[in-house]
Amino acid sequence: MKRQKRDRVTRAYSKGYHAGLHGKSQDLCPFDALMSRSSWINGWREGRTDHLNGYTGIASVHNLKNMG
C-alpha cells in the first residue's frame, strides 16, 4: 500500500489543494474529523491562491510537491 493512502492528513491536504486549484468551493470539504478537515482547508487555501495566481499544469504539481 502506498504511503499516501495511509497518511490521511497529507492526503486531505492534497485533495484540498486540488479542489482549490480547480476553483471548487471551500464548503465541499468531505472531512468531518478536525485534523483532516483543517488539513484539507489549508490545502484548499494554498490551491485557491495558486489558482488566482494562474498556476496550472506542471507548475501546480511542482508547487504541491514543494509544499507537501
PDB file of N, CA and C in Angstrom:
ATOM      1  N   MET A   1       0.849  -1.179   0.000  1.00  0.00           N
ATOM      2  CA  MET A   1       0.000   0.000   0.000  1.00  0.00           C
ATOM      3  C   MET A   1       0.890   1.236   0.000  1.00  0.00           C
ATOM      4  N   LYS A   2       0.521   2.209  -0.787  1.00  0.00           N
ATOM      5  CA  LYS A   2       1.307   3.430  -0.864  1.00  0.00           C
ATOM      6  C   LYS A   2       1.193   4.225   0.434  1.00  0.00           C
ATOM      7  N   ARG A   3       2.253   4.946   0.736  1.00  0.00           N
ATOM      8  CA  ARG A   3       2.271   5.738   1.958  1.00  0.00           C
ATOM      9  C   ARG A   3       1.188   6.816   1.951  1.00  0.00           C
ATOM     10  N   GLN A   4       0.921   7.395   0.775  1.00  0.00           N
ATOM     11  CA  GLN A   4      -0.086   8.447   0.683  1.00  0.00           C
ATOM     12  C   GLN A   4      -1.448   7.939   1.139  1.00  0.00           C
ATOM     13  N   LYS A   5      -1.743   6.698   0.865  1.00  0.00           N
ATOM     14  CA  LYS A   5      -3.029   6.135   1.267  1.00  0.00           C
ATOM     15  C   LYS A   5      -3.122   6.005   2.784  1.00  0.00           C
ATOM     16  N   ARG A   6      -1.995   5.807   3.450  1.00  0.00           N
ATOM     17  CA  ARG A   6      -2.014   5.613   4.895  1.00  0.00           C
ATOM     18  C   ARG A   6      -2.021   6.927   5.659  1.00  0.00           C
ATOM     19  N   ASP A   7      -1.401   7.968   5.120  1.00  0.00           N
ATOM     20  CA  ASP A   7      -1.307   9.249   5.822  1.00  0.00           C
ATOM     21  C   ASP A   7      -2.506  10.115   5.451  1.00  0.00           C
ATOM     22  N   ARG A   8      -3.531  10.076   6.251  1.00  0.00           N
ATOM     23  CA  ARG A   8      -4.784  10.760   5.934  1.00  0.00           C
ATOM     24  C   ARG A   8      -4.651  12.274   5.927  1.00  0.00           C
ATOM     25  N   VAL A   9      -3.808  12.823   6.780  1.00  0.00           N
ATOM     26  CA  VAL A   9      -3.654  14.277   6.853  1.00  0.00           C
ATOM     27  C   VAL A   9      -3.006  14.808   5.569  1.00  0.00           C
ATOM     28  N   THR A  10      -1.964  14.138   5.109  1.00  0.00           N
ATOM     29  CA  THR A  10      -1.302  14.555   3.873  1.00  0.00           C
ATOM     30  C   THR A  10      -2.230  14.375   2.684  1.00  0.00           C
ATOM     31  N   ARG A  11      -2.968  13.293   2.680  1.00  0.00           N
ATOM     32  CA  ARG A  11      -3.919  13.038   1.595  1.00  0.00           C
ATOM     33  C   ARG A  11      -5.028  14.092   1.592  1.00  0.00           C
ATOM     34  N   ALA A  12      -5.494  14.479   2.768  1.00  0.00           N
ATOM     35  CA  ALA A  12      -6.530  15.509   2.860  1.00  0.00           C
ATOM     36  C   ALA A  12      -6.001  16.838   2.325  1.00  0.00           C
ATOM     37  N   TYR A  13      -4.754  17.176   2.661  1.00  0.00           N
ATOM     38  CA  TYR A  13      -4.145  18.412   2.171  1.00  0.00           C
ATOM     39  C   TYR A  13      -4.077  18.395   0.647  1.00  0.00           C
ATOM     40  N   SER A  14      -3.637  17.275   0.091  1.00  0.00           N
ATOM     41  CA  SER A  14      -3.516  17.155  -1.354  1.00  0.00           C
ATOM     42  C   SER A  14      -4.875  17.281  -2.044  1.00  0.00           C
ATOM     43  N   LYS A  15      -5.886  16.625  -1.495  1.00  0.00           N
ATOM     44  CA  LYS A  15      -7.240  16.707  -2.069  1.00  0.00           C
ATOM     45  C   LYS A  15      -7.776  18.138  -1.980  1.00  0.00           C
ATOM     46  N   GLY A  16      -7.519  18.810  -0.861  1.00  0.00           N
ATOM     47  CA  GLY A  16      -7.943  20.197  -0.705  1.00  0.00           C
ATOM     48  C   GLY A  16      -7.227  21.125  -1.662  1.00  0.00           C
ATOM     49  N   TYR A  17      -5.930  20.880  -1.851  1.00  0.00           N
ATOM     50  CA  TYR A  17      -5.154  21.694  -2.782  1.00  0.00           C
ATOM     51  C   TYR A  17      -5.729  21.589  -4.189  1.00  0.00           C
ATOM     52  N   HIS A  18      -6.021  20.365  -4.616  1.00  0.00           N
ATOM     53  CA  HIS A  18      -6.573  20.168  -5.954  1.00  0.00           C
ATOM     54  C   HIS A  18      -7.962  20.791  -6.078  1.00  0.00           C
ATOM     55  N   ALA A  19      -8.752  20.725  -5.024  1.00  0.00           N
ATOM     56  CA  ALA A  19     -10.083  21.343  -5.063  1.00  0.00           C
ATOM     57  C   ALA A  19      -9.956  22.864  -5.206  1.00  0.00           C
ATOM     58  N   GLY A  20      -9.058  23.471  -4.446  1.00  0.00           N
ATOM     59  CA  GLY A  20      -8.839  24.915  -4.542  1.00  0.00           C
ATOM     60  C   GLY A  20      -8.265  25.320  -5.878  1.00  0.00           C
ATOM     61  N   LEU A  21      -7.376  24.504  -6.407  1.00  0.00           N
ATOM     62  CA  LEU A  21      -6.736  24.792  -7.683  1.00  0.00           C
ATOM     63  C   LEU A  21      -7.750  24.780  -8.819  1.00  0.00           C
ATOM     64  N   HIS A  22      -8.776  23.953  -8.689  1.00  0.00           N
ATOM     65  CA  HIS A  22      -9.801  23.868  -9.728  1.00  0.00           C
ATOM     66  C   HIS A  22     -10.989  24.785  -9.455  1.00  0.00           C
ATOM     67  N   GLY A  23     -10.857  25.666  -8.457  1.00  0.00           N
ATOM     68  CA  GLY A  23     -11.882  26.671  -8.204  1.00  0.00           C
ATOM     69  C   GLY A  23     -13.104  26.171  -7.460  1.00  0.00           C
ATOM     70  N   LYS A  24     -12.994  25.027  -6.807  1.00  0.00           N
ATOM     71  CA  LYS A  24     -14.134  24.483  -6.057  1.00  0.00           C
ATOM     72  C   LYS A  24     -14.358  25.282  -4.781  1.00  0.00           C
ATOM     73  N   SER A  25     -15.551  25.175  -4.230  1.00  0.00           N
ATOM     74  CA  SER A  25     -15.910  25.890  -3.017  1.00  0.00           C
ATOM     75  C   SER A  25     -15.317  25.221  -1.777  1.00  0.00           C
ATOM     76  N   GLN A  26     -14.995  26.013  -0.796  1.00  0.00           N
ATOM     77  CA  GLN A  26     -14.478  25.505   0.477  1.00  0.00           C
ATOM     78  C   GLN A  26     -15.542  24.678   1.203  1.00  0.00           C
ATOM     79  N   ASP A  27     -16.800  24.934   0.911  1.00  0.00           N
ATOM     80  CA  ASP A  27     -17.897  24.207   1.547  1.00  0.00           C
ATOM     81  C   ASP A  27     -17.972  22.749   1.120  1.00  0.00           C
ATOM     82  N   LEU A  28     -17.226  22.353   0.111  1.00  0.00           N
ATOM     83  CA  LEU A  28     -17.257  20.980  -0.387  1.00  0.00           C
ATOM     84  C   LEU A  28     -16.309  20.050   0.361  1.00  0.00           C
ATOM     85  N   CYS A  29     -15.747  20.493   1.458  1.00  0.00           N
ATOM     86  CA  CYS A  29     -14.821  19.667   2.236  1.00  0.00           C
ATOM     87  C   CYS A  29     -15.520  18.379   2.684  1.00  0.00           C
ATOM     88  N   PRO A  30     -14.975  17.216   2.315  1.00  0.00           N
ATOM     89  CA  PRO A  30     -15.632  15.944   2.638  1.00  0.00           C
ATOM     90  C   PRO A  30     -15.298  15.396   4.023  1.00  0.00           C
ATOM     91  N   PHE A  31     -14.433  16.060   4.775  1.00  0.00           N
ATOM     92  CA  PHE A  31     -13.956  15.518   6.046  1.00  0.00           C
ATOM     93  C   PHE A  31     -14.688  16.121   7.238  1.00  0.00           C
ATOM     94  N   ASP A  32     -14.939  15.279   8.238  1.00  0.00           N
ATOM     95  CA  ASP A  32     -15.551  15.727   9.487  1.00  0.00           C
ATOM     96  C   ASP A  32     -14.546  15.770  10.634  1.00  0.00           C
ATOM     97  N   ALA A  33     -13.532  14.908  10.587  1.00  0.00           N
ATOM     98  CA  ALA A  33     -12.516  14.873  11.641  1.00  0.00           C
ATOM     99  C   ALA A  33     -11.719  16.176  11.627  1.00  0.00           C
ATOM    100  N   LEU A  34     -11.426  16.707  12.792  1.00  0.00           N
ATOM    101  CA  LEU A  34     -10.788  18.017  12.922  1.00  0.00           C
ATOM    102  C   LEU A  34      -9.455  18.100  12.187  1.00  0.00           C
ATOM    103  N   MET A  35      -8.570  17.124  12.387  1.00  0.00           N
ATOM    104  CA  MET A  35      -7.242  17.179  11.765  1.00  0.00           C
ATOM    105  C   MET A  35      -7.340  17.101  10.238  1.00  0.00           C
ATOM    106  N   SER A  36      -8.136  16.188   9.753  1.00  0.00           N
ATOM    107  CA  SER A  36      -8.280  16.043   8.301  1.00  0.00           C
ATOM    108  C   SER A  36      -8.960  17.259   7.697  1.00  0.00           C
ATOM    109  N   ARG A  37      -9.970  17.772   8.375  1.00  0.00           N
ATOM    110  CA  ARG A  37     -10.689  18.935   7.862  1.00  0.00           C
ATOM    111  C   ARG A  37      -9.790  20.166   7.815  1.00  0.00           C
ATOM    112  N   SER A  38      -9.028  20.407   8.860  1.00  0.00           N
ATOM    113  CA  SER A  38      -8.156  21.580   8.865  1.00  0.00           C
ATOM    114  C   SER A  38      -7.046  21.434   7.834  1.00  0.00           C
ATOM    115  N   SER A  39      -6.560  20.219   7.634  1.00  0.00           N
ATOM    116  CA  SER A  39      -5.543  19.986   6.618  1.00  0.00           C
ATOM    117  C   SER A  39      -6.118  20.215   5.219  1.00  0.00           C
ATOM    118  N   TRP A  40      -7.345  19.745   4.984  1.00  0.00           N
ATOM    119  CA  TRP A  40      -7.990  19.947   3.692  1.00  0.00           C
ATOM    120  C   TRP A  40      -8.173  21.435   3.422  1.00  0.00           C
ATOM    121  N   ILE A  41      -8.618  22.177   4.424  1.00  0.00           N
ATOM    122  CA  ILE A  41      -8.852  23.616   4.257  1.00  0.00           C
ATOM    123  C   ILE A  41      -7.536  24.356   4.027  1.00  0.00           C
ATOM    124  N   ASN A  42      -6.463  23.960   4.713  1.00  0.00           N
ATOM    125  CA  ASN A  42      -5.159  24.580   4.459  1.00  0.00           C
ATOM    126  C   ASN A  42      -4.708  24.317   3.026  1.00  0.00           C
ATOM    127  N   GLY A  43      -4.894  23.093   2.556  1.00  0.00           N
ATOM    128  CA  GLY A  43      -4.560  22.765   1.176  1.00  0.00           C
ATOM    129  C   GLY A  43      -5.426  23.545   0.198  1.00  0.00           C
ATOM    130  N   TRP A  44      -6.711  23.672   0.539  1.00  0.00           N
ATOM    131  CA  TRP A  44      -7.635  24.426  -0.314  1.00  0.00           C
ATOM    132  C   TRP A  44      -7.186  25.880  -0.443  1.00  0.00           C
ATOM    133  N   ARG A  45      -6.773  26.470   0.667  1.00  0.00           N
ATOM    134  CA  ARG A  45      -6.305  27.873   0.636  1.00  0.00           C
ATOM    135  C   ARG A  45      -5.089  28.024  -0.273  1.00  0.00           C
ATOM    136  N   GLU A  46      -4.127  27.105  -0.147  1.00  0.00           N
ATOM    137  CA  GLU A  46      -2.935  27.162  -0.993  1.00  0.00           C
ATOM    138  C   GLU A  46      -3.311  26.964  -2.468  1.00  0.00           C
ATOM    139  N   GLY A  47      -4.187  26.001  -2.721  1.00  0.00           N
ATOM    140  CA  GLY A  47      -4.629  25.751  -4.096  1.00  0.00           C
ATOM    141  C   GLY A  47      -5.391  26.924  -4.674  1.00  0.00           C
ATOM    142  N   ARG A  48      -6.221  27.534  -3.850  1.00  0.00           N
ATOM    143  CA  ARG A  48      -7.001  28.697  -4.296  1.00  0.00           C
ATOM    144  C   ARG A  48      -6.068  29.862  -4.623  1.00  0.00           C
ATOM    145  N   THR A  49      -5.059  30.070  -3.810  1.00  0.00           N
ATOM    146  CA  THR A  49      -4.071  31.126  -4.061  1.00  0.00           C
ATOM    147  C   THR A  49      -3.352  30.861  -5.381  1.00  0.00           C
ATOM    148  N   ASP A  50      -2.950  29.604  -5.596  1.00  0.00           N
ATOM    149  CA  ASP A  50      -2.279  29.259  -6.847  1.00  0.00           C
ATOM    150  C   ASP A  50      -3.220  29.425  -8.035  1.00  0.00           C
ATOM    151  N   HIS A  51      -4.483  29.096  -7.848  1.00  0.00           N
ATOM    152  CA  HIS A  51      -5.479  29.267  -8.910  1.00  0.00           C
ATOM    153  C   HIS A  51      -5.599  30.746  -9.283  1.00  0.00           C
ATOM    154  N   LEU A  52      -5.658  31.598  -8.284  1.00  0.00           N
ATOM    155  CA  LEU A  52      -5.785  33.031  -8.534  1.00  0.00           C
ATOM    156  C   LEU A  52      -4.512  33.623  -9.143  1.00  0.00           C
ATOM    157  N   ASN A  53      -3.353  33.006  -8.839  1.00  0.00           N
ATOM    158  CA  ASN A  53      -2.086  33.470  -9.401  1.00  0.00           C
ATOM    159  C   ASN A  53      -1.806  32.885 -10.778  1.00  0.00           C
ATOM    160  N   GLY A  54      -2.669  31.990 -11.239  1.00  0.00           N
ATOM    161  CA  GLY A  54      -2.548  31.470 -12.588  1.00  0.00           C
ATOM    162  C   GLY A  54      -1.691  30.231 -12.735  1.00  0.00           C
ATOM    163  N   TYR A  55      -1.339  29.561 -11.648  1.00  0.00           N
ATOM    164  CA  TYR A  55      -0.576  28.329 -11.760  1.00  0.00           C
ATOM    165  C   TYR A  55      -1.471  27.214 -12.286  1.00  0.00           C
ATOM    166  N   THR A  56      -1.025  26.584 -13.351  1.00  0.00           N
ATOM    167  CA  THR A  56      -1.771  25.458 -13.909  1.00  0.00           C
ATOM    168  C   THR A  56      -0.787  24.409 -14.393  1.00  0.00           C
ATOM    169  N   GLY A  57      -1.262  23.225 -14.638  1.00  0.00           N
ATOM    170  CA  GLY A  57      -0.439  22.162 -15.208  1.00  0.00           C
ATOM    171  C   GLY A  57       0.744  21.798 -14.352  1.00  0.00           C
ATOM    172  N   ILE A  58       1.910  21.746 -14.959  1.00  0.00           N
ATOM    173  CA  ILE A  58       3.130  21.303 -14.291  1.00  0.00           C
ATOM    174  C   ILE A  58       3.519  22.248 -13.156  1.00  0.00           C
ATOM    175  N   ALA A  59       3.281  23.535 -13.304  1.00  0.00           N
ATOM    176  CA  ALA A  59       3.631  24.492 -12.252  1.00  0.00           C
ATOM    177  C   ALA A  59       2.885  24.189 -10.958  1.00  0.00           C
ATOM    178  N   SER A  60       1.630  23.793 -11.050  1.00  0.00           N
ATOM    179  CA  SER A  60       0.862  23.499  -9.843  1.00  0.00           C
ATOM    180  C   SER A  60       1.332  22.200  -9.203  1.00  0.00           C
ATOM    181  N   VAL A  61       1.677  21.200 -10.005  1.00  0.00           N
ATOM    182  CA  VAL A  61       2.173  19.934  -9.457  1.00  0.00           C
ATOM    183  C   VAL A  61       3.490  20.156  -8.769  1.00  0.00           C
ATOM    184  N   HIS A  62       4.364  20.922  -9.376  1.00  0.00           N
ATOM    185  CA  HIS A  62       5.664  21.223  -8.774  1.00  0.00           C
ATOM    186  C   HIS A  62       5.484  21.978  -7.468  1.00  0.00           C
ATOM    187  N   ASN A  63       4.569  22.919  -7.454  1.00  0.00           N
ATOM    188  CA  ASN A  63       4.299  23.712  -6.258  1.00  0.00           C
ATOM    189  C   ASN A  63       3.759  22.830  -5.133  1.00  0.00           C
ATOM    190  N   LEU A  64       2.882  21.889  -5.436  1.00  0.00           N
ATOM    191  CA  LEU A  64       2.323  20.984  -4.439  1.00  0.00           C
ATOM    192  C   LEU A  64       3.390  20.099  -3.833  1.00  0.00           C
ATOM    193  N   LYS A  65       4.313  19.597  -4.642  1.00  0.00           N
ATOM    194  CA  LYS A  65       5.390  18.737  -4.134  1.00  0.00           C
ATOM    195  C   LYS A  65       6.314  19.515  -3.209  1.00  0.00           C
ATOM    196  N   ASN A  66       6.539  20.785  -3.491  1.00  0.00           N
ATOM    197  CA  ASN A  66       7.408  21.590  -2.635  1.00  0.00           C
ATOM    198  C   ASN A  66       6.766  21.906  -1.299  1.00  0.00           C
ATOM    199  N   MET A  67       5.442  21.994  -1.252  1.00  0.00           N
ATOM    200  CA  MET A  67       4.732  22.305  -0.009  1.00  0.00           C
ATOM    201  C   MET A  67       4.518  21.097   0.859  1.00  0.00           C
ATOM    202  N   GLY A  68       4.260  19.954   0.227  1.00  0.00           N
ATOM    203  CA  GLY A  68       3.871  18.756   0.947  1.00  0.00           C
ATOM    204  C   GLY A  68       4.945  18.027   1.607  1.00  0.00           C
TER     205      GLY A  68
END
